[in-house]
N, C-alpha and C. Protein backbone atom coordinates (compact mmCIF):
# COMPACT_ATOMS: atom_id res chain seq x y z
N UNK A 1 256.91 -17.80 211.68
CA UNK A 1 255.59 -18.35 212.00
C UNK A 1 255.31 -19.56 211.12
N UNK A 2 254.88 -20.66 211.75
CA UNK A 2 254.57 -21.85 210.99
C UNK A 2 253.18 -21.72 210.38
N UNK A 3 253.00 -22.35 209.23
CA UNK A 3 251.70 -22.29 208.58
C UNK A 3 250.69 -23.13 209.35
N UNK A 4 249.44 -22.73 209.30
CA UNK A 4 248.37 -23.44 209.98
C UNK A 4 247.87 -24.58 209.10
N UNK A 5 247.29 -25.59 209.72
CA UNK A 5 246.74 -26.71 208.97
C UNK A 5 245.66 -27.39 209.80
N UNK A 6 244.84 -28.19 209.14
CA UNK A 6 243.77 -28.91 209.81
C UNK A 6 244.26 -30.24 210.35
N UNK A 7 243.64 -30.68 211.45
CA UNK A 7 243.92 -31.98 212.04
C UNK A 7 242.59 -32.67 212.35
N UNK A 8 242.59 -34.01 212.46
CA UNK A 8 241.34 -34.70 212.82
C UNK A 8 240.87 -34.29 214.21
N UNK A 9 239.58 -34.06 214.34
CA UNK A 9 239.03 -33.73 215.65
C UNK A 9 238.84 -34.99 216.48
N UNK A 10 238.58 -36.11 215.82
CA UNK A 10 238.39 -37.38 216.51
C UNK A 10 238.61 -38.52 215.52
N UNK A 11 238.59 -39.74 216.00
CA UNK A 11 238.76 -40.91 215.14
C UNK A 11 237.45 -41.24 214.43
N UNK A 12 237.57 -41.88 213.24
CA UNK A 12 236.37 -42.32 212.53
C UNK A 12 236.58 -43.74 211.99
N UNK A 13 235.45 -44.38 211.72
CA UNK A 13 235.40 -45.74 211.17
C UNK A 13 234.52 -45.71 209.93
N UNK A 14 234.97 -46.36 208.88
CA UNK A 14 234.21 -46.39 207.63
C UNK A 14 234.48 -47.73 206.95
N UNK A 15 233.46 -48.31 206.30
CA UNK A 15 233.68 -49.56 205.62
C UNK A 15 232.86 -49.65 204.33
N UNK A 16 233.35 -50.50 203.42
CA UNK A 16 232.70 -50.66 202.13
C UNK A 16 233.15 -52.00 201.53
N UNK A 17 232.26 -52.61 200.75
CA UNK A 17 232.59 -53.85 200.06
C UNK A 17 232.84 -53.56 198.59
N UNK A 18 233.97 -54.03 198.08
CA UNK A 18 234.33 -53.88 196.68
C UNK A 18 234.60 -55.27 196.11
N UNK A 19 233.73 -55.72 195.20
CA UNK A 19 233.86 -57.05 194.58
C UNK A 19 234.11 -58.13 195.64
N UNK A 20 233.26 -58.13 196.63
CA UNK A 20 233.23 -59.11 197.71
C UNK A 20 234.36 -58.98 198.74
N UNK A 21 235.34 -58.10 198.48
CA UNK A 21 236.35 -57.81 199.50
C UNK A 21 235.83 -56.70 200.41
N UNK A 22 235.95 -56.92 201.70
CA UNK A 22 235.49 -55.93 202.68
C UNK A 22 236.66 -55.03 203.07
N UNK A 23 236.49 -53.74 202.86
CA UNK A 23 237.50 -52.74 203.21
C UNK A 23 237.00 -51.94 204.41
N UNK A 24 237.85 -51.80 205.43
CA UNK A 24 237.52 -51.05 206.64
C UNK A 24 238.56 -49.96 206.84
N UNK A 25 238.11 -48.74 207.00
CA UNK A 25 239.02 -47.62 207.23
C UNK A 25 238.90 -47.14 208.67
N UNK A 26 240.04 -47.01 209.32
CA UNK A 26 240.10 -46.36 210.63
C UNK A 26 241.08 -45.19 210.52
N UNK A 27 240.62 -44.00 210.87
CA UNK A 27 241.44 -42.80 210.80
C UNK A 27 241.50 -42.18 212.19
N UNK A 28 242.70 -41.80 212.59
CA UNK A 28 242.86 -41.21 213.91
C UNK A 28 243.76 -40.00 213.91
N UNK A 29 243.67 -39.23 215.00
CA UNK A 29 244.54 -38.07 215.20
C UNK A 29 245.82 -38.55 215.86
N UNK A 30 246.96 -38.37 215.18
CA UNK A 30 248.25 -38.83 215.69
C UNK A 30 249.27 -37.70 215.58
N UNK A 31 249.53 -36.97 216.65
CA UNK A 31 250.39 -35.79 216.58
C UNK A 31 251.87 -36.08 216.39
N UNK A 32 252.30 -37.33 216.61
CA UNK A 32 253.71 -37.66 216.41
C UNK A 32 253.83 -39.09 215.91
N UNK A 33 255.07 -39.49 215.56
CA UNK A 33 255.29 -40.80 214.96
C UNK A 33 254.96 -41.92 215.95
N UNK A 34 255.29 -41.74 217.22
CA UNK A 34 254.99 -42.78 218.21
C UNK A 34 253.49 -43.04 218.32
N UNK A 35 252.71 -41.98 218.34
CA UNK A 35 251.25 -42.17 218.43
C UNK A 35 250.70 -42.76 217.14
N UNK A 36 251.31 -42.44 216.00
CA UNK A 36 250.88 -43.03 214.73
C UNK A 36 251.12 -44.54 214.74
N UNK A 37 252.31 -44.94 215.18
CA UNK A 37 252.63 -46.37 215.23
C UNK A 37 251.76 -47.10 216.23
N UNK A 38 251.45 -46.44 217.35
CA UNK A 38 250.58 -47.06 218.35
C UNK A 38 249.17 -47.26 217.78
N UNK A 39 248.68 -46.28 217.03
CA UNK A 39 247.36 -46.39 216.41
C UNK A 39 247.34 -47.54 215.40
N UNK A 40 248.39 -47.65 214.59
CA UNK A 40 248.48 -48.73 213.61
C UNK A 40 248.49 -50.09 214.30
N UNK A 41 249.29 -50.21 215.36
CA UNK A 41 249.37 -51.48 216.09
C UNK A 41 248.03 -51.86 216.70
N UNK A 42 247.32 -50.85 217.20
CA UNK A 42 245.99 -51.09 217.80
C UNK A 42 245.02 -51.68 216.76
N UNK A 43 245.03 -51.11 215.56
CA UNK A 43 244.13 -51.60 214.51
C UNK A 43 244.56 -52.99 214.04
N UNK A 44 245.86 -53.22 213.93
CA UNK A 44 246.35 -54.54 213.53
C UNK A 44 245.91 -55.62 214.50
N UNK A 45 245.95 -55.31 215.79
CA UNK A 45 245.51 -56.28 216.80
C UNK A 45 244.00 -56.50 216.70
N UNK A 46 243.27 -55.42 216.51
CA UNK A 46 241.82 -55.52 216.42
C UNK A 46 241.38 -56.37 215.24
N UNK A 47 242.09 -56.24 214.11
CA UNK A 47 241.74 -56.99 212.90
C UNK A 47 242.87 -57.95 212.53
N UNK A 48 243.33 -58.70 213.51
CA UNK A 48 244.46 -59.61 213.29
C UNK A 48 244.12 -60.76 212.34
N UNK A 49 242.85 -61.02 212.13
CA UNK A 49 242.44 -62.11 211.23
C UNK A 49 242.28 -61.64 209.79
N UNK A 50 242.51 -60.36 209.53
CA UNK A 50 242.32 -59.83 208.18
C UNK A 50 243.51 -60.19 207.29
N UNK A 51 243.27 -60.20 205.98
CA UNK A 51 244.35 -60.50 205.04
C UNK A 51 245.40 -59.40 205.04
N UNK A 52 244.97 -58.14 205.17
CA UNK A 52 245.91 -57.02 205.11
C UNK A 52 245.43 -55.88 206.00
N UNK A 53 246.38 -55.21 206.65
CA UNK A 53 246.14 -53.96 207.35
C UNK A 53 247.15 -52.94 206.81
N UNK A 54 246.76 -52.24 205.77
CA UNK A 54 247.64 -51.30 205.09
C UNK A 54 247.46 -49.91 205.70
N UNK A 55 248.54 -49.13 205.70
CA UNK A 55 248.46 -47.88 206.44
C UNK A 55 249.32 -46.78 205.85
N UNK A 56 249.01 -45.57 206.30
CA UNK A 56 249.84 -44.40 206.01
C UNK A 56 249.63 -43.38 207.10
N UNK A 57 250.67 -42.61 207.38
CA UNK A 57 250.53 -41.55 208.38
C UNK A 57 251.28 -40.30 207.97
N UNK A 58 250.75 -39.17 208.43
CA UNK A 58 251.43 -37.87 208.39
C UNK A 58 251.37 -37.37 209.83
N UNK A 59 252.40 -37.68 210.60
CA UNK A 59 252.36 -37.45 212.04
C UNK A 59 252.96 -36.10 212.41
N UNK A 60 252.41 -35.06 211.81
CA UNK A 60 252.89 -33.70 212.03
C UNK A 60 252.33 -32.81 210.94
N UNK A 61 252.95 -31.67 210.67
CA UNK A 61 252.49 -30.82 209.57
C UNK A 61 252.56 -31.58 208.25
N UNK A 62 251.60 -31.36 207.35
CA UNK A 62 251.57 -32.13 206.09
C UNK A 62 252.76 -31.87 205.18
N UNK A 63 253.54 -30.84 205.46
CA UNK A 63 254.71 -30.54 204.64
C UNK A 63 256.01 -31.06 205.24
N UNK A 64 255.94 -31.73 206.39
CA UNK A 64 257.14 -32.21 207.07
C UNK A 64 257.48 -33.63 206.61
N UNK A 65 258.52 -33.77 205.81
CA UNK A 65 258.87 -35.08 205.25
C UNK A 65 259.47 -36.02 206.28
N UNK A 66 259.76 -35.53 207.47
CA UNK A 66 260.34 -36.38 208.51
C UNK A 66 259.29 -37.19 209.26
N UNK A 67 258.03 -36.93 209.03
CA UNK A 67 256.97 -37.59 209.80
C UNK A 67 255.97 -38.31 208.90
N UNK A 68 256.45 -38.84 207.78
CA UNK A 68 255.60 -39.52 206.82
C UNK A 68 255.94 -41.00 206.77
N UNK A 69 254.93 -41.83 206.49
CA UNK A 69 255.19 -43.26 206.34
C UNK A 69 254.01 -43.96 205.73
N UNK A 70 254.26 -45.13 205.11
CA UNK A 70 253.17 -45.94 204.57
C UNK A 70 253.65 -47.36 204.34
N UNK A 71 252.70 -48.30 204.25
CA UNK A 71 253.03 -49.71 204.06
C UNK A 71 251.91 -50.41 203.29
N UNK A 72 252.33 -51.31 202.36
CA UNK A 72 251.36 -52.14 201.63
C UNK A 72 250.93 -53.35 202.43
N UNK A 73 251.66 -53.69 203.48
CA UNK A 73 251.33 -54.81 204.35
C UNK A 73 250.94 -56.08 203.59
N UNK A 74 251.77 -56.45 202.64
CA UNK A 74 251.55 -57.70 201.92
C UNK A 74 250.81 -57.57 200.61
N UNK A 75 250.19 -56.45 200.35
CA UNK A 75 249.56 -56.24 199.05
C UNK A 75 250.67 -56.00 198.01
N UNK A 76 250.39 -56.18 196.73
CA UNK A 76 251.41 -55.91 195.70
C UNK A 76 252.00 -54.51 195.86
N UNK A 77 253.28 -54.40 195.61
CA UNK A 77 254.01 -53.16 195.83
C UNK A 77 253.33 -51.96 195.13
N UNK A 78 253.07 -50.91 195.93
CA UNK A 78 252.51 -49.67 195.40
C UNK A 78 251.01 -49.65 195.22
N UNK A 79 250.31 -50.70 195.67
CA UNK A 79 248.85 -50.76 195.43
C UNK A 79 248.02 -50.31 196.63
N UNK A 80 248.65 -50.08 197.78
CA UNK A 80 247.85 -49.78 198.97
C UNK A 80 248.42 -48.61 199.76
N UNK A 81 249.62 -48.80 200.33
CA UNK A 81 250.19 -47.75 201.18
C UNK A 81 250.37 -46.43 200.49
N UNK A 82 250.97 -46.45 199.31
CA UNK A 82 251.21 -45.20 198.57
C UNK A 82 249.90 -44.54 198.13
N UNK A 83 248.92 -45.29 197.59
CA UNK A 83 247.64 -44.64 197.27
C UNK A 83 246.96 -44.00 198.49
N UNK A 84 247.03 -44.68 199.64
CA UNK A 84 246.46 -44.11 200.86
C UNK A 84 247.20 -42.81 201.20
N UNK A 85 248.53 -42.88 201.15
CA UNK A 85 249.36 -41.72 201.46
C UNK A 85 249.05 -40.54 200.54
N UNK A 86 248.90 -40.82 199.25
CA UNK A 86 248.63 -39.75 198.29
C UNK A 86 247.32 -39.02 198.62
N UNK A 87 246.33 -39.78 199.07
CA UNK A 87 245.05 -39.16 199.45
C UNK A 87 245.23 -38.28 200.69
N UNK A 88 245.94 -38.80 201.69
CA UNK A 88 246.17 -38.01 202.90
C UNK A 88 246.96 -36.74 202.58
N UNK A 89 248.00 -36.88 201.78
CA UNK A 89 248.82 -35.72 201.44
C UNK A 89 248.01 -34.69 200.66
N UNK A 90 247.19 -35.16 199.75
CA UNK A 90 246.36 -34.25 198.96
C UNK A 90 245.29 -33.54 199.76
N UNK A 91 244.92 -34.12 200.89
CA UNK A 91 243.88 -33.50 201.74
C UNK A 91 244.38 -32.28 202.48
N UNK A 92 245.71 -32.17 202.65
CA UNK A 92 246.27 -31.07 203.42
C UNK A 92 246.09 -31.20 204.91
N UNK A 93 245.65 -32.37 205.37
CA UNK A 93 245.43 -32.60 206.80
C UNK A 93 246.72 -33.12 207.43
N UNK A 94 247.05 -32.62 208.60
CA UNK A 94 248.22 -33.09 209.32
C UNK A 94 247.84 -33.91 210.53
N UNK A 95 248.85 -34.53 211.15
CA UNK A 95 248.66 -35.31 212.38
C UNK A 95 247.58 -36.37 212.19
N UNK A 96 247.68 -37.12 211.10
CA UNK A 96 246.62 -38.07 210.73
C UNK A 96 247.23 -39.42 210.36
N UNK A 97 246.55 -40.48 210.75
CA UNK A 97 246.91 -41.84 210.35
C UNK A 97 245.68 -42.55 209.84
N UNK A 98 245.83 -43.25 208.71
CA UNK A 98 244.74 -44.05 208.15
C UNK A 98 245.22 -45.49 208.02
N UNK A 99 244.42 -46.41 208.55
CA UNK A 99 244.68 -47.83 208.40
C UNK A 99 243.50 -48.44 207.64
N UNK A 100 243.79 -49.10 206.52
CA UNK A 100 242.74 -49.74 205.73
C UNK A 100 242.90 -51.25 205.84
N UNK A 101 241.91 -51.87 206.42
CA UNK A 101 241.89 -53.32 206.61
C UNK A 101 241.13 -53.95 205.45
N UNK A 102 241.67 -55.05 204.92
CA UNK A 102 241.01 -55.74 203.82
C UNK A 102 240.78 -57.20 204.17
N UNK A 103 239.53 -57.61 204.07
CA UNK A 103 239.16 -59.02 204.15
C UNK A 103 238.90 -59.50 202.73
N UNK A 104 239.76 -60.36 202.25
CA UNK A 104 239.68 -60.82 200.86
C UNK A 104 238.40 -61.60 200.61
N UNK A 105 237.72 -61.25 199.51
CA UNK A 105 236.43 -61.87 199.21
C UNK A 105 236.47 -62.92 198.11
N UNK A 106 237.66 -63.24 197.61
CA UNK A 106 237.76 -64.30 196.61
C UNK A 106 237.86 -63.83 195.18
N UNK A 107 237.69 -62.53 194.93
CA UNK A 107 237.80 -62.00 193.57
C UNK A 107 239.02 -61.08 193.52
N UNK A 108 239.96 -61.38 192.63
CA UNK A 108 241.15 -60.55 192.50
C UNK A 108 240.80 -59.23 191.83
N UNK A 109 241.35 -58.14 192.36
CA UNK A 109 241.06 -56.80 191.84
C UNK A 109 242.11 -56.32 190.86
N UNK A 110 243.27 -56.97 190.82
CA UNK A 110 244.35 -56.48 189.98
C UNK A 110 245.03 -55.29 190.63
N UNK A 111 246.22 -54.96 190.16
CA UNK A 111 246.97 -53.87 190.80
C UNK A 111 246.25 -52.53 190.67
N UNK A 112 245.73 -52.26 189.49
CA UNK A 112 245.00 -51.00 189.31
C UNK A 112 243.74 -50.94 190.14
N UNK A 113 243.03 -52.06 190.20
CA UNK A 113 241.80 -52.13 190.99
C UNK A 113 242.07 -51.96 192.47
N UNK A 114 243.17 -52.55 192.95
CA UNK A 114 243.53 -52.40 194.35
C UNK A 114 243.86 -50.95 194.68
N UNK A 115 244.66 -50.31 193.85
CA UNK A 115 245.03 -48.92 194.10
C UNK A 115 243.81 -48.02 194.13
N UNK A 116 242.89 -48.26 193.19
CA UNK A 116 241.67 -47.45 193.16
C UNK A 116 240.80 -47.73 194.38
N UNK A 117 240.74 -48.98 194.80
CA UNK A 117 239.91 -49.33 195.96
C UNK A 117 240.46 -48.69 197.24
N UNK A 118 241.77 -48.81 197.45
CA UNK A 118 242.36 -48.25 198.68
C UNK A 118 242.28 -46.72 198.71
N UNK A 119 242.59 -46.10 197.60
CA UNK A 119 242.52 -44.63 197.57
C UNK A 119 241.08 -44.15 197.64
N UNK A 120 240.21 -44.84 196.93
CA UNK A 120 238.81 -44.42 196.89
C UNK A 120 238.12 -44.49 198.23
N UNK A 121 238.36 -45.55 198.98
CA UNK A 121 237.67 -45.69 200.27
C UNK A 121 238.19 -44.68 201.29
N UNK A 122 239.48 -44.32 201.19
CA UNK A 122 240.01 -43.30 202.09
C UNK A 122 239.41 -41.93 201.75
N UNK A 123 239.28 -41.64 200.47
CA UNK A 123 238.63 -40.39 200.06
C UNK A 123 237.21 -40.31 200.61
N UNK A 124 236.48 -41.42 200.51
CA UNK A 124 235.11 -41.44 201.02
C UNK A 124 235.08 -41.25 202.52
N UNK A 125 236.02 -41.89 203.23
CA UNK A 125 236.06 -41.77 204.69
C UNK A 125 236.35 -40.34 205.11
N UNK A 126 237.22 -39.66 204.38
CA UNK A 126 237.60 -38.29 204.75
C UNK A 126 236.43 -37.32 204.65
N UNK A 127 235.43 -37.66 203.86
CA UNK A 127 234.25 -36.80 203.75
C UNK A 127 233.57 -36.65 205.11
N UNK A 128 233.59 -37.72 205.89
CA UNK A 128 232.92 -37.72 207.20
C UNK A 128 233.84 -37.28 208.34
N UNK A 129 235.10 -37.01 208.05
CA UNK A 129 236.05 -36.66 209.11
C UNK A 129 235.84 -35.23 209.58
N UNK A 130 235.63 -35.07 210.87
CA UNK A 130 235.50 -33.74 211.47
C UNK A 130 236.90 -33.18 211.74
N UNK A 131 237.10 -31.91 211.42
CA UNK A 131 238.42 -31.30 211.51
C UNK A 131 238.46 -30.16 212.52
N UNK A 132 239.65 -29.93 213.03
CA UNK A 132 239.93 -28.76 213.84
C UNK A 132 241.16 -28.08 213.27
N UNK A 133 241.27 -26.78 213.49
CA UNK A 133 242.45 -26.07 213.03
C UNK A 133 243.56 -26.21 214.06
N UNK A 134 244.74 -26.58 213.59
CA UNK A 134 245.89 -26.70 214.48
C UNK A 134 246.30 -25.31 214.93
N UNK A 135 246.35 -25.11 216.22
CA UNK A 135 246.76 -23.82 216.76
C UNK A 135 248.25 -23.87 217.07
N UNK A 136 249.03 -23.08 216.35
CA UNK A 136 250.44 -22.94 216.67
C UNK A 136 250.56 -21.95 217.84
N UNK A 137 251.26 -22.38 218.87
CA UNK A 137 251.35 -21.55 220.07
C UNK A 137 252.78 -21.06 220.28
N UNK A 138 252.89 -19.99 221.01
CA UNK A 138 254.19 -19.52 221.46
C UNK A 138 254.10 -19.22 222.94
N UNK A 139 255.26 -19.15 223.55
CA UNK A 139 255.36 -18.82 224.96
C UNK A 139 255.75 -17.35 225.09
N UNK A 140 254.84 -16.57 225.63
CA UNK A 140 255.07 -15.14 225.84
C UNK A 140 255.39 -14.91 227.31
N UNK A 141 256.59 -14.42 227.57
CA UNK A 141 257.05 -14.21 228.94
C UNK A 141 257.09 -12.72 229.23
N UNK A 142 256.52 -12.34 230.35
CA UNK A 142 256.49 -10.93 230.71
C UNK A 142 256.92 -10.70 232.15
N UNK A 143 257.53 -9.55 232.40
CA UNK A 143 257.88 -9.13 233.75
C UNK A 143 257.21 -7.78 234.01
N UNK A 144 256.44 -7.72 235.08
CA UNK A 144 255.64 -6.52 235.33
C UNK A 144 255.54 -6.23 236.81
N UNK A 145 255.07 -5.03 237.12
CA UNK A 145 254.82 -4.65 238.51
C UNK A 145 253.48 -5.22 238.97
N UNK A 146 253.36 -5.41 240.27
CA UNK A 146 252.12 -5.94 240.83
C UNK A 146 250.92 -5.08 240.44
N UNK A 147 251.12 -3.76 240.42
CA UNK A 147 250.01 -2.84 240.15
C UNK A 147 249.47 -2.97 238.73
N UNK A 148 250.25 -3.58 237.84
CA UNK A 148 249.83 -3.70 236.45
C UNK A 148 249.23 -5.06 236.10
N UNK A 149 249.26 -5.99 237.04
CA UNK A 149 248.89 -7.36 236.71
C UNK A 149 247.41 -7.51 236.34
N UNK A 150 246.54 -6.81 237.04
CA UNK A 150 245.12 -6.91 236.71
C UNK A 150 244.85 -6.38 235.30
N UNK A 151 245.51 -5.30 234.94
CA UNK A 151 245.35 -4.75 233.59
C UNK A 151 245.81 -5.76 232.56
N UNK A 152 246.96 -6.38 232.80
CA UNK A 152 247.52 -7.36 231.86
C UNK A 152 246.59 -8.56 231.68
N UNK A 153 246.09 -9.07 232.80
CA UNK A 153 245.23 -10.25 232.72
C UNK A 153 243.88 -9.94 232.09
N UNK A 154 243.41 -8.73 232.29
CA UNK A 154 242.17 -8.32 231.61
C UNK A 154 242.37 -8.26 230.10
N UNK A 155 243.53 -7.80 229.68
CA UNK A 155 243.85 -7.79 228.25
C UNK A 155 243.90 -9.22 227.72
N UNK A 156 244.60 -10.10 228.43
CA UNK A 156 244.78 -11.48 227.97
C UNK A 156 243.46 -12.24 227.90
N UNK A 157 242.48 -11.82 228.70
CA UNK A 157 241.16 -12.47 228.65
C UNK A 157 240.52 -12.36 227.27
N UNK A 158 240.95 -11.39 226.50
CA UNK A 158 240.37 -11.20 225.17
C UNK A 158 241.07 -11.98 224.08
N UNK A 159 242.03 -12.83 224.45
CA UNK A 159 242.81 -13.58 223.47
C UNK A 159 242.69 -15.08 223.73
N UNK A 160 243.17 -15.85 222.75
CA UNK A 160 243.12 -17.31 222.86
C UNK A 160 244.33 -17.78 223.68
N UNK A 161 244.17 -17.74 224.99
CA UNK A 161 245.23 -18.12 225.92
C UNK A 161 245.01 -19.56 226.37
N UNK A 162 246.04 -20.40 226.23
CA UNK A 162 245.93 -21.80 226.60
C UNK A 162 246.38 -22.05 228.04
N UNK A 163 247.31 -21.23 228.52
CA UNK A 163 247.79 -21.44 229.88
C UNK A 163 248.48 -20.16 230.36
N UNK A 164 248.34 -19.89 231.66
CA UNK A 164 248.99 -18.72 232.26
C UNK A 164 249.59 -19.13 233.60
N UNK A 165 250.90 -18.92 233.75
CA UNK A 165 251.59 -19.22 235.00
C UNK A 165 252.27 -17.96 235.51
N UNK A 166 252.27 -17.80 236.84
CA UNK A 166 252.86 -16.59 237.43
C UNK A 166 253.81 -16.96 238.57
N UNK A 167 254.88 -16.17 238.68
CA UNK A 167 255.82 -16.29 239.78
C UNK A 167 255.99 -14.91 240.41
N UNK A 168 255.99 -14.88 241.73
CA UNK A 168 255.99 -13.60 242.44
C UNK A 168 257.30 -13.40 243.20
N UNK A 169 257.89 -12.24 243.02
CA UNK A 169 259.05 -11.83 243.82
C UNK A 169 258.88 -10.33 244.04
N UNK A 170 259.91 -9.54 243.76
CA UNK A 170 259.71 -8.09 243.83
C UNK A 170 258.90 -7.58 242.64
N UNK A 171 258.84 -8.42 241.58
CA UNK A 171 257.97 -8.17 240.43
C UNK A 171 257.19 -9.45 240.13
N UNK A 172 256.31 -9.37 239.15
CA UNK A 172 255.56 -10.55 238.71
C UNK A 172 256.15 -11.03 237.40
N UNK A 173 256.59 -12.29 237.39
CA UNK A 173 257.08 -12.91 236.16
C UNK A 173 256.00 -13.89 235.70
N UNK A 174 255.48 -13.68 234.49
CA UNK A 174 254.37 -14.52 234.02
C UNK A 174 254.67 -15.07 232.63
N UNK A 175 254.19 -16.27 232.42
CA UNK A 175 254.37 -16.96 231.14
C UNK A 175 253.01 -17.41 230.63
N UNK A 176 252.71 -17.05 229.40
CA UNK A 176 251.42 -17.39 228.83
C UNK A 176 251.63 -18.13 227.51
N UNK A 177 250.93 -19.24 227.34
CA UNK A 177 250.89 -19.94 226.05
C UNK A 177 249.69 -19.43 225.29
N UNK A 178 249.91 -18.95 224.08
CA UNK A 178 248.81 -18.36 223.35
C UNK A 178 248.94 -18.60 221.85
N UNK A 179 247.86 -18.36 221.15
CA UNK A 179 247.81 -18.48 219.70
C UNK A 179 248.85 -17.55 219.09
N UNK A 180 249.73 -18.14 218.27
CA UNK A 180 250.84 -17.36 217.70
C UNK A 180 250.35 -16.19 216.85
N UNK A 181 249.15 -16.32 216.27
CA UNK A 181 248.63 -15.26 215.40
C UNK A 181 248.23 -14.02 216.19
N UNK A 182 248.00 -14.18 217.49
CA UNK A 182 247.49 -13.08 218.30
C UNK A 182 248.56 -12.41 219.16
N UNK A 183 249.77 -12.97 219.16
CA UNK A 183 250.79 -12.51 220.10
C UNK A 183 251.18 -11.05 219.88
N UNK A 184 251.44 -10.68 218.64
CA UNK A 184 251.87 -9.30 218.36
C UNK A 184 250.84 -8.28 218.81
N UNK A 185 249.58 -8.59 218.53
CA UNK A 185 248.50 -7.66 218.91
C UNK A 185 248.38 -7.56 220.43
N UNK A 186 248.56 -8.70 221.12
CA UNK A 186 248.48 -8.70 222.58
C UNK A 186 249.62 -7.88 223.19
N UNK A 187 250.81 -8.02 222.64
CA UNK A 187 251.96 -7.26 223.14
C UNK A 187 251.72 -5.77 222.98
N UNK A 188 251.21 -5.36 221.82
CA UNK A 188 250.95 -3.94 221.57
C UNK A 188 249.91 -3.40 222.55
N UNK A 189 248.86 -4.18 222.76
CA UNK A 189 247.79 -3.72 223.66
C UNK A 189 248.27 -3.62 225.09
N UNK A 190 249.03 -4.63 225.55
CA UNK A 190 249.57 -4.59 226.91
C UNK A 190 250.54 -3.42 227.07
N UNK A 191 251.38 -3.22 226.07
CA UNK A 191 252.35 -2.11 226.12
C UNK A 191 251.63 -0.76 226.22
N UNK A 192 250.59 -0.59 225.44
CA UNK A 192 249.84 0.67 225.45
C UNK A 192 249.15 0.91 226.79
N UNK A 193 248.59 -0.17 227.36
CA UNK A 193 247.80 -0.01 228.58
C UNK A 193 248.65 0.01 229.85
N UNK A 194 249.96 -0.29 229.72
CA UNK A 194 250.86 -0.22 230.88
C UNK A 194 251.95 0.82 230.67
N UNK A 195 251.76 1.68 229.68
CA UNK A 195 252.73 2.75 229.37
C UNK A 195 254.13 2.22 229.10
N UNK A 196 254.18 1.02 228.52
CA UNK A 196 255.48 0.45 228.11
C UNK A 196 256.31 -0.08 229.25
N UNK A 197 255.69 -0.37 230.41
CA UNK A 197 256.45 -0.79 231.58
C UNK A 197 256.64 -2.31 231.70
N UNK A 198 256.20 -3.07 230.71
CA UNK A 198 256.33 -4.52 230.76
C UNK A 198 257.47 -4.97 229.86
N UNK A 199 258.32 -5.84 230.37
CA UNK A 199 259.39 -6.43 229.59
C UNK A 199 258.92 -7.77 229.01
N UNK A 200 259.13 -7.98 227.71
CA UNK A 200 258.65 -9.19 227.06
C UNK A 200 259.79 -10.04 226.52
N UNK A 201 259.54 -11.35 226.49
CA UNK A 201 260.42 -12.30 225.82
C UNK A 201 259.52 -13.33 225.14
N UNK A 202 259.85 -13.71 223.92
CA UNK A 202 259.01 -14.64 223.17
C UNK A 202 259.84 -15.86 222.78
N UNK A 203 259.24 -17.04 222.94
CA UNK A 203 259.86 -18.27 222.45
C UNK A 203 258.78 -19.16 221.87
N UNK A 204 259.06 -19.77 220.68
CA UNK A 204 258.07 -20.63 220.02
C UNK A 204 258.20 -22.05 220.53
């Protein structure tokens, strides 16, 4: 079973001025690397006149090192992308991309000042971010008699079922996508209420 984690419920916009430089944060829900890159490109186009569009993404579970990325986008090395990434990683939120746009205001912040500004504004933006819990699902496949199908579906009505498909022949073959945390309990309940006459197969 994979561990659960929070994901952004929707995109947010946040901005702040630091020593005359205008910083704009856009955070979005990006479930994979392609959607993360698409979100970054969208923000870059929107703020194409800005001095910098620095970014970081965790396009999957926050512990998956295969779906991480960040860029300073022209800022001094290590002053933007990595600080943004550190904030995202520390939040424990997955499937998230943050792009911080900077309009230079004429006052140099220095490397330390830049790192603090980029990390600080992302921290502030995350305060307003609405979250949802990522539901890990599995595919529960069952084979049952027609006479038992109403009982089975009544049981499933009490669980977090995302989809139910059925195929009919001499028996009913059904596939349900459901919350992985509830699968064992659902199997036990269906087994008890059908006297063990249902055959199950599980795939994540």
